[in-house]
Amino acid sequence: MGKRSKGRALLLQAMYAARLSGRTLTDCLEDQLARRESADETESFVRELARKVTNHGAGLEASVGPLLANWDLARVGLLERLILTIGLVELHHSPEVPFRVAINEACELARSFCDENAVRFVNGVLDRAAGEIERGADAP
């Protein structure tokens, strides 16, 4: 697993812990980093991505609803929503990450932490979001 992929997995775990515990994402991320030995590059990457999630994640998570085809947001599991949030943050706020890479990385998170149905779901939603961004739809 690459350094950035590890960072995304750490971030997902920290986001999940924060959501369940009510603690801040920063606190949970620091706990995750303290428990694992990570390369400096991984730590730098994940801290920057966490900053973007903190600044933009809530709005982007709320924007998932309109991207769902024949699906109710209330039925989307927490892990899938968090993975979509990471993917959407990268699509909207990480121009150095190509869309295909952001989508693939989110699908890999779904493959690691969810199941194959989640992988297809995440892929479909993020592909739709990337298409809207490319067409110039307003970003949240």
Protein backbone atom coordinates (compact mmCIF):
# COMPACT_ATOMS: atom_id res chain seq x y z
CA MET A 1 0.00 0.00 0.00
CA GLY A 2 1.38 3.40 -0.97
CA LYS A 3 2.04 6.21 1.47
CA ARG A 4 -0.97 8.24 0.36
CA SER A 5 -3.22 5.17 0.36
CA LYS A 6 -2.14 4.48 3.96
CA GLY A 7 -2.89 8.10 4.78
CA ARG A 8 -6.39 7.83 3.36
CA ALA A 9 -7.03 4.65 5.36
CA LEU A 10 -5.78 6.34 8.55
CA LEU A 11 -8.02 9.31 7.84
CA LEU A 12 -11.06 7.10 7.31
CA GLN A 13 -10.41 5.34 10.61
CA ALA A 14 -9.97 8.68 12.38
CA MET A 15 -13.16 10.06 10.80
CA TYR A 16 -15.07 6.96 11.91
CA ALA A 17 -13.67 7.21 15.45
CA ALA A 18 -14.52 10.92 15.60
CA ARG A 19 -18.07 10.33 14.42
CA LEU A 20 -18.66 7.56 16.98
CA SER A 21 -16.88 9.17 19.92
CA GLY A 22 -17.82 12.81 19.43
CA ARG A 23 -14.15 13.80 19.63
CA THR A 24 -12.55 16.05 17.04
CA LEU A 25 -11.11 14.66 13.85
CA THR A 26 -7.74 16.14 14.76
CA ASP A 27 -7.68 14.30 18.12
CA CYS A 28 -8.69 11.02 16.54
CA LEU A 29 -6.16 11.42 13.73
CA GLU A 30 -3.37 12.10 16.21
CA ASP A 31 -4.38 8.91 18.07
CA GLN A 32 -4.26 6.92 14.82
CA LEU A 33 -0.85 8.35 13.91
CA ALA A 34 0.55 7.69 17.40
CA ARG A 35 -0.47 4.02 17.21
CA ARG A 36 1.15 3.44 13.82
CA GLU A 37 4.54 4.11 12.43
CA SER A 38 4.03 6.27 9.37
CA ALA A 39 6.44 7.89 6.98
CA ASP A 40 6.76 11.66 7.27
CA GLU A 41 5.24 11.97 3.79
CA THR A 42 2.19 9.96 4.90
CA GLU A 43 1.72 12.09 8.01
CA SER A 44 2.04 15.32 6.05
CA PHE A 45 -0.39 14.12 3.38
CA VAL A 46 -3.01 12.86 5.85
CA ARG A 47 -2.87 16.00 7.98
CA GLU A 48 -3.44 18.18 4.91
CA LEU A 49 -6.29 15.94 3.71
CA ALA A 50 -7.81 16.00 7.21
CA ARG A 51 -7.65 19.81 7.16
CA LYS A 52 -9.57 19.80 3.88
CA VAL A 53 -12.12 17.35 5.30
CA THR A 54 -12.56 19.56 8.37
CA ASN A 55 -13.01 22.67 6.22
CA HIS A 56 -15.16 21.23 3.42
CA GLY A 57 -16.33 17.75 4.41
CA ALA A 58 -19.68 18.57 6.00
CA GLY A 59 -20.88 20.52 2.97
CA LEU A 60 -19.66 17.87 0.57
CA GLU A 61 -21.18 15.05 2.60
CA ALA A 62 -24.49 16.90 2.47
CA SER A 63 -24.12 17.18 -1.33
CA VAL A 64 -24.16 13.39 -1.74
CA GLY A 65 -27.97 13.21 -1.77
CA PRO A 66 -28.47 14.71 -5.24
CA LEU A 67 -25.74 12.41 -6.62
CA LEU A 68 -27.64 9.28 -5.59
CA ALA A 69 -29.61 7.61 -8.33
CA ASN A 70 -32.70 5.89 -6.93
CA TRP A 71 -31.18 5.77 -3.47
CA ASP A 72 -32.04 7.49 -0.20
CA LEU A 73 -29.14 9.09 1.67
CA ALA A 74 -30.51 7.77 4.97
CA ARG A 75 -29.83 4.23 3.69
CA VAL A 76 -26.14 4.90 3.01
CA GLY A 77 -23.93 3.41 5.70
CA LEU A 78 -21.60 5.55 7.77
CA LEU A 79 -18.40 4.09 6.30
CA GLU A 80 -19.66 4.61 2.76
CA ARG A 81 -20.60 8.24 3.57
CA LEU A 82 -17.17 8.88 5.05
CA ILE A 83 -15.43 7.31 2.06
CA LEU A 84 -17.55 9.43 -0.27
CA THR A 85 -16.61 12.51 1.77
CA ILE A 86 -12.90 11.78 1.36
CA GLY A 87 -13.41 11.19 -2.37
CA LEU A 88 -15.44 14.35 -2.82
CA VAL A 89 -12.90 16.42 -0.89
CA GLU A 90 -10.18 15.16 -3.22
CA LEU A 91 -12.29 15.74 -6.33
CA HIS A 92 -13.17 19.30 -5.31
CA HIS A 93 -10.16 20.48 -3.33
CA SER A 94 -7.10 18.48 -4.43
CA PRO A 95 -6.41 19.53 -8.03
CA GLU A 96 -3.07 17.69 -7.93
CA VAL A 97 -4.96 14.39 -7.64
CA PRO A 98 -6.44 13.24 -10.98
CA PHE A 99 -10.14 12.35 -10.79
CA ARG A 100 -9.48 8.71 -11.70
CA VAL A 101 -6.97 8.40 -8.87
CA ALA A 102 -9.34 9.96 -6.32
CA ILE A 103 -12.14 7.63 -7.41
CA ASN A 104 -9.91 4.55 -7.46
CA GLU A 105 -8.52 5.33 -4.00
CA ALA A 106 -12.04 5.72 -2.61
CA CYS A 107 -13.02 2.41 -4.19
CA GLU A 108 -9.98 0.76 -2.58
CA LEU A 109 -11.09 2.09 0.81
CA ALA A 110 -14.55 0.63 0.20
CA ARG A 111 -12.97 -2.67 -0.82
CA SER A 112 -10.87 -2.74 2.36
CA PHE A 113 -13.50 -1.59 4.85
CA CYS A 114 -16.85 -2.50 3.28
CA ASP A 115 -17.84 -4.97 0.56
CA GLU A 116 -17.97 -5.22 -3.22
CA ASN A 117 -21.44 -3.65 -3.37
CA ALA A 118 -20.01 -0.60 -1.60
CA VAL A 119 -17.19 -0.45 -4.14
CA ARG A 120 -19.66 -0.23 -7.03
CA PHE A 121 -21.77 2.30 -5.13
CA VAL A 122 -18.79 4.56 -4.28
CA ASN A 123 -17.51 4.31 -7.84
CA GLY A 124 -20.87 5.30 -9.30
CA VAL A 125 -21.44 8.26 -7.00
CA LEU A 126 -17.92 9.66 -7.37
CA ASP A 127 -17.95 9.14 -11.13
CA ARG A 128 -21.19 11.14 -11.28
CA ALA A 129 -19.63 13.87 -9.11
CA ALA A 130 -16.52 14.02 -11.32
CA GLY A 131 -18.74 14.35 -14.38
CA GLU A 132 -20.58 17.28 -12.80
CA ILE A 133 -17.30 18.97 -11.90
CA GLU A 134 -16.00 18.52 -15.45
CA ARG A 135 -19.22 20.02 -16.82
CA GLY A 136 -18.71 23.01 -14.56
CA ALA A 137 -21.45 22.46 -12.04
CA ASP A 138 -21.07 24.63 -8.96
CA ALA A 139 -18.93 23.04 -6.26
CA PRO A 140 -20.18 23.16 -2.67
